[in-house]
Protein backbone atom coordinates (compact mmCIF):
# COMPACT_ATOMS: atom_id res chain seq x y z
CA MET A 1 5.08 14.94 -10.47
CA LYS A 2 2.20 13.13 -12.10
CA LYS A 3 0.78 9.93 -10.70
CA LEU A 4 0.31 7.63 -13.67
CA ARG A 5 -2.84 5.66 -14.40
CA MET A 6 -2.09 2.02 -15.14
CA ILE A 7 -3.52 0.01 -17.99
CA ALA A 8 -4.64 -3.63 -18.16
CA THR A 9 -5.60 -3.80 -14.50
CA SER A 10 -8.53 -5.26 -12.62
CA HIS A 11 -9.98 -4.63 -9.18
CA LEU A 12 -10.41 -7.75 -7.08
CA GLY A 13 -14.16 -7.38 -7.09
CA SER A 14 -14.09 -8.63 -10.68
CA PHE A 15 -10.88 -10.64 -10.31
CA PHE A 16 -12.28 -14.08 -11.06
CA LEU A 17 -14.16 -13.02 -14.21
CA TYR A 18 -11.20 -11.00 -15.39
CA THR A 19 -8.78 -13.89 -14.85
CA SER A 20 -10.93 -16.34 -16.77
CA LEU A 21 -11.07 -13.93 -19.72
CA VAL A 22 -7.37 -13.16 -19.90
CA LEU A 23 -6.33 -16.77 -19.44
CA SER A 24 -8.50 -17.62 -22.41
CA PHE A 25 -6.75 -14.88 -24.40
CA ASP A 26 -3.29 -16.09 -23.36
CA ALA A 27 -3.96 -19.51 -24.80
CA HIS A 28 -3.52 -17.95 -28.26
CA SER A 29 -0.53 -15.79 -27.37
CA GLN A 30 3.05 -16.81 -28.14
CA GLN A 31 4.56 -14.33 -25.66
CA PRO A 32 5.23 -15.42 -22.07
CA THR A 33 3.06 -13.45 -19.65
CA LEU A 34 4.11 -12.41 -16.16
CA ASN A 35 1.15 -12.12 -13.78
CA ILE A 36 1.87 -9.37 -11.25
CA LEU A 37 -0.34 -8.77 -8.20
CA ASN A 38 0.04 -5.16 -7.12
CA TRP A 39 -1.60 -2.03 -5.77
CA ASP A 40 -3.19 0.15 -8.44
CA ASP A 41 -0.95 2.91 -9.86
CA TYR A 42 2.15 1.35 -8.32
CA LEU A 43 4.22 0.56 -11.39
CA SER A 44 4.85 3.10 -14.14
CA GLU A 45 3.76 2.47 -17.72
CA GLN A 46 7.27 3.30 -18.91
CA THR A 47 8.73 0.56 -16.70
CA ILE A 48 6.21 -1.97 -17.98
CA ASN A 49 6.62 -1.05 -21.65
CA GLU A 50 10.42 -1.04 -21.59
CA TRP A 51 10.65 -4.43 -19.85
CA GLU A 52 8.14 -5.95 -22.28
CA LYS A 53 10.23 -4.77 -25.24
CA LEU A 54 13.47 -5.91 -23.63
CA THR A 55 12.23 -9.44 -22.90
CA ASP A 56 9.56 -9.89 -25.61
CA SER A 57 7.18 -10.73 -22.77
CA LYS A 58 3.89 -9.33 -21.50
CA ILE A 59 2.90 -8.08 -18.06
CA ARG A 60 -0.60 -8.63 -16.77
CA LEU A 61 -1.38 -6.48 -13.74
CA ILE A 62 -3.94 -7.75 -11.27
CA THR A 63 -4.62 -4.99 -8.75
CA TYR A 64 -5.90 -5.16 -5.20
CA ASP A 65 -6.96 -2.64 -2.60
CA ASN A 66 -7.39 -5.03 0.33
CA GLU A 67 -4.41 -6.73 1.95
CA ASP A 68 -6.47 -9.58 3.38
CA MET A 69 -7.78 -10.47 -0.08
CA ARG A 70 -4.28 -10.20 -1.51
CA ASP A 71 -2.94 -12.69 1.02
CA LEU A 72 -5.84 -15.01 0.27
CA LEU A 73 -4.90 -14.99 -3.41
CA LEU A 74 -1.30 -15.79 -2.55
CA THR A 75 -2.21 -18.69 -0.26
CA ASP A 76 -4.92 -20.25 -2.46
CA THR A 77 -2.29 -21.81 -4.67
CA LYS A 78 -4.60 -24.10 -6.66
CA GLN A 79 -6.85 -21.38 -8.02
CA HIS A 80 -4.70 -18.42 -9.00
CA GLN A 81 -1.71 -17.90 -11.26
CA ILE A 82 0.36 -15.19 -9.58
CA ASP A 83 4.03 -15.00 -10.56
CA LEU A 84 5.13 -11.88 -8.71
CA ALA A 85 3.50 -9.77 -6.02
CA ILE A 86 3.95 -6.68 -3.90
CA VAL A 87 3.32 -7.27 -0.19
CA ASP A 88 3.91 -5.41 3.05
CA VAL A 89 6.63 -6.54 5.44
CA GLN A 90 4.25 -8.29 7.84
CA SER A 91 2.84 -10.45 5.03
CA ALA A 92 6.28 -11.08 3.50
CA ASN A 93 7.52 -12.58 6.74
CA LYS A 94 4.33 -14.49 7.50
CA LEU A 95 3.92 -15.97 4.01
CA ALA A 96 7.59 -16.98 4.02
CA ASN A 97 7.27 -18.74 7.38
CA LEU A 98 4.24 -20.66 6.09
CA GLY A 99 6.11 -21.83 2.99
CA TYR A 100 4.13 -19.87 0.37
CA LEU A 101 7.10 -17.92 -1.01
CA PHE A 102 9.99 -18.90 -3.25
CA ASP A 103 13.32 -18.66 -1.43
CA LEU A 104 14.97 -15.84 -3.37
CA ASN A 105 18.70 -15.39 -3.39
CA VAL A 106 18.21 -11.83 -2.20
CA ALA A 107 21.94 -11.07 -2.38
CA GLN A 108 21.82 -11.00 -6.20
CA PHE A 109 19.18 -8.26 -6.14
CA LYS A 110 20.51 -6.05 -3.37
CA GLY A 111 22.32 -3.56 -5.64
CA ASN A 112 22.50 -0.26 -3.76
CA ILE A 113 19.50 -0.92 -1.52
CA GLU A 114 19.86 0.44 1.98
CA PRO A 115 20.76 -2.44 4.35
CA LYS A 116 17.93 -1.59 6.77
CA TRP A 117 15.36 -2.21 4.02
CA LEU A 118 16.97 -5.52 3.02
CA GLU A 119 16.93 -6.73 6.60
CA THR A 120 13.29 -5.71 7.07
CA CYS A 121 11.98 -7.52 3.97
CA GLY A 122 13.83 -10.72 4.93
CA ASP A 123 15.30 -13.58 2.91
CA HIS A 124 12.27 -14.22 0.69
CA ALA A 125 11.55 -10.67 -0.47
CA VAL A 126 13.24 -7.75 -2.23
CA PRO A 127 12.52 -4.15 -1.09
CA TYR A 128 10.62 -1.97 -3.57
CA LEU A 129 9.33 1.38 -2.25
CA TRP A 130 8.80 2.97 1.14
CA GLY A 131 6.83 5.81 2.64
CA THR A 132 4.66 6.98 5.49
CA LEU A 133 1.12 6.60 6.77
CA GLY A 134 -0.70 9.90 7.00
CA ILE A 135 -3.78 11.95 6.19
CA ALA A 136 -5.02 13.38 2.91
CA TYR A 137 -7.64 16.10 3.04
CA ARG A 138 -9.51 18.24 0.54
CA THR A 139 -8.31 21.80 0.72
CA ASP A 140 -11.48 23.01 -1.00
CA LYS A 141 -13.85 21.36 1.47
CA VAL A 142 -12.60 21.84 5.03
CA THR A 143 -12.50 24.98 7.12
CA SER A 144 -9.00 24.39 8.52
CA PRO A 145 -6.13 21.92 7.91
CA VAL A 146 -6.55 18.28 8.93
CA ASP A 147 -3.05 17.66 10.23
CA SER A 148 -3.41 15.43 13.30
CA TRP A 149 -4.99 12.12 14.24
CA ALA A 150 -6.98 14.13 16.79
CA ASP A 151 -8.82 15.84 13.93
CA LEU A 152 -10.22 12.46 12.86
CA PHE A 153 -11.35 11.52 16.37
CA SER A 154 -12.61 14.86 17.69
CA SER A 155 -16.02 15.04 15.94
CA ARG A 156 -15.02 18.14 14.01
CA GLN A 157 -18.24 19.49 12.56
CA ASP A 158 -16.80 19.98 9.09
CA LEU A 159 -15.62 16.34 9.01
CA LYS A 160 -18.69 14.55 10.39
CA GLY A 161 -19.71 11.90 7.88
CA HIS A 162 -16.80 12.75 5.58
CA ILE A 163 -13.91 10.63 6.93
CA ALA A 164 -12.37 7.58 5.26
CA MET A 165 -10.47 5.19 7.52
CA LEU A 166 -8.34 2.28 6.37
CA GLY A 167 -10.24 -0.96 6.85
CA ASP A 168 -7.33 -3.33 7.57
CA TYR A 169 -6.40 -4.16 11.14
CA TYR A 170 -3.06 -2.32 11.10
CA GLY A 171 -4.20 0.79 9.27
CA LEU A 172 -7.30 1.10 11.44
CA SER A 173 -5.69 0.46 14.80
CA ALA A 174 -2.46 2.48 14.52
CA PRO A 175 -3.99 6.00 14.25
CA ALA A 176 -6.36 5.28 17.15
CA LEU A 177 -3.61 3.94 19.43
CA ILE A 178 -1.24 6.80 18.65
CA HIS A 179 -4.05 9.29 19.34
CA LEU A 180 -4.59 7.61 22.73
CA ASN A 181 -0.86 7.91 23.51
CA LEU A 182 -0.59 4.13 23.52
CA SER A 183 1.96 1.96 21.80
CA PRO A 184 0.77 1.00 18.29
CA TYR A 185 2.25 -2.45 18.96
CA THR A 186 0.40 -3.04 22.24
CA ASP A 187 -1.28 -6.36 22.93
CA LYS A 188 -2.71 -5.36 26.31
CA GLU A 189 -6.42 -6.03 26.64
CA GLN A 190 -7.12 -2.69 28.33
CA ASP A 191 -5.33 -0.80 25.55
CA LEU A 192 -7.18 -2.61 22.79
CA LYS A 193 -10.46 -2.05 24.61
CA LYS A 194 -9.78 1.71 24.74
CA MET A 195 -8.97 1.61 21.05
CA TYR A 196 -12.23 -0.21 20.30
CA GLU A 197 -14.28 2.33 22.26
CA LEU A 198 -12.62 5.21 20.42
CA LEU A 199 -13.22 3.63 17.01
CA LYS A 200 -16.80 2.81 17.97
CA GLN A 201 -17.44 6.43 18.95
CA GLN A 202 -15.78 7.68 15.76
CA SER A 203 -17.87 5.40 13.51
CA ASP A 204 -20.67 8.01 13.46
CA ASP A 205 -18.31 10.40 11.64
CA VAL A 206 -16.92 7.86 9.15
CA LEU A 207 -18.09 7.82 5.56
CA THR A 208 -16.28 4.61 4.59
CA TYR A 209 -13.68 2.06 5.66
CA ASP A 210 -12.77 1.38 2.04
CA TYR A 211 -9.33 2.28 0.76
CA ALA A 212 -9.72 5.95 -0.20
CA PRO A 213 -8.26 5.86 -3.76
CA SER A 214 -10.52 2.89 -4.61
CA TYR A 215 -13.53 4.61 -3.08
CA LEU A 216 -12.96 7.64 -5.29
CA LEU A 217 -12.82 5.43 -8.36
CA ASP A 218 -16.06 3.56 -7.66
CA ALA A 219 -18.34 5.62 -5.40
CA GLU A 220 -21.12 7.87 -6.67
CA ASN A 221 -20.72 10.22 -3.70
CA LYS A 222 -16.95 10.72 -4.02
CA ASP A 223 -17.33 14.44 -3.23
CA ASP A 224 -18.52 13.49 0.26
CA MET A 225 -15.03 12.37 1.27
CA TYR A 226 -13.10 15.24 2.84
CA ALA A 227 -10.34 13.49 4.83
CA ALA A 228 -8.79 10.03 4.63
CA VAL A 229 -6.10 7.89 6.22
CA VAL A 230 -3.80 7.03 3.30
CA TYR A 231 -0.29 6.02 2.32
CA SER A 232 2.11 8.64 1.00
CA GLY A 233 1.67 8.91 -2.77
CA ASP A 234 -2.05 8.11 -2.68
CA GLN A 235 -2.89 11.79 -3.02
CA TYR A 236 -1.75 11.76 -6.65
CA THR A 237 -4.18 9.00 -7.56
CA MET A 238 -6.93 10.73 -5.59
CA ASN A 239 -6.42 14.00 -7.45
CA ASP A 240 -6.41 12.12 -10.76
CA SER A 241 -9.71 10.44 -9.81
CA ILE A 242 -11.58 13.71 -9.40
CA GLY A 243 -9.67 15.73 -11.98
CA LYS A 244 -8.61 18.43 -9.51
CA ASP A 245 -5.45 19.09 -7.52
CA VAL A 246 -7.25 19.51 -4.18
CA TRP A 247 -6.10 16.53 -2.10
CA LYS A 248 -3.19 17.44 0.18
CA TYR A 249 -1.11 14.87 2.06
CA VAL A 250 0.24 15.56 5.57
CA LEU A 251 2.07 13.68 8.27
CA PRO A 252 0.07 13.93 11.52
CA LYS A 253 1.60 16.08 14.23
CA GLU A 254 1.58 13.32 16.84
CA SER A 255 3.57 10.69 14.91
CA SER A 256 2.97 7.98 12.38
CA PHE A 257 4.46 4.93 10.68
CA LEU A 258 7.06 4.13 8.11
CA TRP A 259 5.95 1.41 5.70
CA LEU A 260 7.93 -0.74 3.29
CA ASP A 261 6.69 -2.86 0.39
CA CYS A 262 8.56 -5.85 -0.98
CA TRP A 263 8.58 -8.00 -4.12
CA VAL A 264 7.86 -11.70 -3.54
CA ILE A 265 7.55 -14.71 -5.85
CA PRO A 266 4.92 -17.31 -4.87
CA ALA A 267 6.38 -20.77 -4.38
CA ASN A 268 3.96 -22.26 -6.92
CA SER A 269 4.79 -19.78 -9.72
CA GLU A 270 5.73 -21.50 -12.97
CA LYS A 271 7.61 -18.41 -14.18
CA LYS A 272 10.16 -17.87 -11.45
CA VAL A 273 12.98 -17.09 -13.89
CA LEU A 274 10.86 -14.47 -15.67
CA ALA A 275 9.81 -12.99 -12.32
CA GLN A 276 13.41 -12.77 -11.17
CA SER A 277 14.39 -11.06 -14.40
CA PHE A 278 11.77 -8.40 -13.73
CA ILE A 279 13.00 -7.85 -10.16
CA ASP A 280 16.53 -7.55 -11.54
CA TYR A 281 15.38 -5.04 -14.17
CA ILE A 282 13.40 -2.79 -11.84
CA GLY A 283 16.35 -2.89 -9.44
CA ARG A 284 18.60 -1.12 -11.93
CA ALA A 285 19.37 2.34 -10.56
CA ASP A 286 18.14 4.22 -13.64
CA VAL A 287 14.92 2.19 -13.85
CA ALA A 288 14.29 2.40 -10.09
CA ALA A 289 14.82 6.17 -10.14
CA ALA A 290 12.43 6.82 -13.04
CA ASN A 291 9.76 4.41 -11.74
CA SER A 292 9.86 5.89 -8.24
CA GLU A 293 9.62 9.44 -9.55
CA SER A 294 6.71 8.63 -11.88
CA ILE A 295 4.75 7.15 -8.99
CA GLY A 296 5.76 9.81 -6.47
CA VAL A 297 6.94 7.33 -3.82
CA ALA A 298 10.41 6.97 -2.26
CA THR A 299 12.92 4.50 -3.67
CA VAL A 300 14.90 2.11 -1.46
CA ASP A 301 17.96 2.39 -3.73
CA LEU A 302 20.62 4.89 -2.71
CA ARG A 303 22.02 5.33 -6.23
CA ALA A 304 18.54 5.68 -7.72
CA TYR A 305 17.84 8.45 -5.21
CA GLN A 306 20.85 10.38 -6.48
CA LEU A 307 19.56 10.10 -10.06
CA GLN A 308 16.21 11.68 -9.25
CA SER A 309 15.28 15.32 -9.78
CA SER A 310 15.98 17.85 -7.05
CA GLU A 311 12.23 18.44 -6.83
CA MET A 312 11.72 14.78 -5.90
CA ARG A 313 14.67 14.53 -3.52
CA GLU A 314 13.77 17.74 -1.70
CA ASP A 315 10.10 16.89 -1.20
CA GLU A 316 9.89 16.17 2.54
CA LEU A 317 6.56 14.41 2.17
CA ILE A 318 8.36 11.82 0.03
CA TYR A 319 11.75 11.88 1.73
CA PRO A 320 11.20 13.22 5.27
CA SER A 321 14.11 14.81 7.08
CA GLN A 322 16.08 12.67 9.49
CA GLU A 323 14.54 14.58 12.38
CA VAL A 324 11.06 13.63 11.19
CA LEU A 325 12.10 10.02 10.51
CA ASP A 326 13.46 9.72 14.04
CA GLY A 327 10.00 10.54 15.38
CA LEU A 328 8.18 7.89 13.32
CA TYR A 329 7.42 4.33 14.31
CA SER A 330 9.17 1.64 12.32
CA PHE A 331 7.53 -1.62 11.39
CA GLN A 332 7.26 -4.24 14.13
CA MET A 333 5.82 -7.72 13.77
CA LEU A 334 2.67 -8.38 15.78
CA SER A 335 1.93 -11.76 17.34
CA ASP A 336 -0.77 -13.94 15.81
CA ALA A 337 -2.89 -13.46 18.93
CA ASN A 338 -2.58 -9.68 18.68
CA ILE A 339 -3.53 -9.76 15.00
CA ARG A 340 -6.60 -11.89 15.73
CA LYS A 341 -7.76 -9.46 18.40
CA ARG A 342 -7.37 -6.49 16.07
CA ILE A 343 -9.19 -8.26 13.25
CA ARG A 344 -12.13 -8.95 15.58
CA ILE A 345 -12.20 -5.26 16.52
CA GLN A 346 -11.95 -4.25 12.85
CA GLU A 347 -14.87 -6.52 11.91
CA ALA A 348 -16.98 -5.31 14.85
CA ILE A 349 -16.45 -1.65 13.93
CA LYS A 350 -17.51 -2.29 10.35
CA VAL A 351 -20.66 -4.09 11.50
CA ILE A 352 -21.52 -1.17 13.80
CA HIS A 353 -20.96 1.29 10.96
CA GLU A 354 -23.05 -0.67 8.46
CA SER A 355 -25.92 -0.98 10.91
CA LYS A 356 -26.33 2.80 11.19
């Protein structure tokens, strides 16, 4: 499977300049434009092109690699024109509770989506794709496989200064807590303190806390990254970035997380009907199957799964066996107080790292 490179996208670092330019362009366009906020490489070109032809509309992709910035864009309703967005479950529920999301009639989009995914995304969001949190490592750089969280926290000589950790509070804290044999949902002060001390000690071995696929796109020293905490499917983008099939994705031996992404429509969108038509289109079994396979990430749709190639369906890194799934943590909402504590730890670790 090939991970496709998207067109007409912008990283959030240049988001404001980019938006001002394209809005100026749109003033002379007769076609309605749907502004989609999404991860990079997370919607196939075929899906985009076919929907544009079907509806005589245009899609503008605005990409992000930082969940905090994404949520800021979705809550700063006066500044940004976002009509449709991909968010994680935590943000879907939080943004809905704060009144920032349009109240979708989810029942009309449910199709053949597994009930557990519908329940997890909630009443204001439609499930899109799911996967796991794991490790990608360069098979041409390390002396032995990197297949456990312990490898990232053990000061392995071949990994010192070559590790990429996720910089968001959930992605940073979960691997550390699991490695410490603590609950990844814990809010106990002593547990979070142990996590902080572990992350502080590890900071000497960390190359970056930037999202690994984005780092490989922008950094001059991309060959210095040997191992990274990533989401399943990221390895395809990472291999594309360096032009070599050397990044391998693994699920850590100890355990890890299932993640789920959902489509949401901001409450202030002026193109809710157009956005809903896109959700309806990408929810068609044939479209969902092809889009999922192009990206290399698992579909939530049972019928779409049956339409995919045997190579896709039998890939246990995309669709883990039930035995493996039973050993993974499912998503669980954290309290606001717990989130604030983890964000403070995340910010402190980054300051420590930058000061070295």
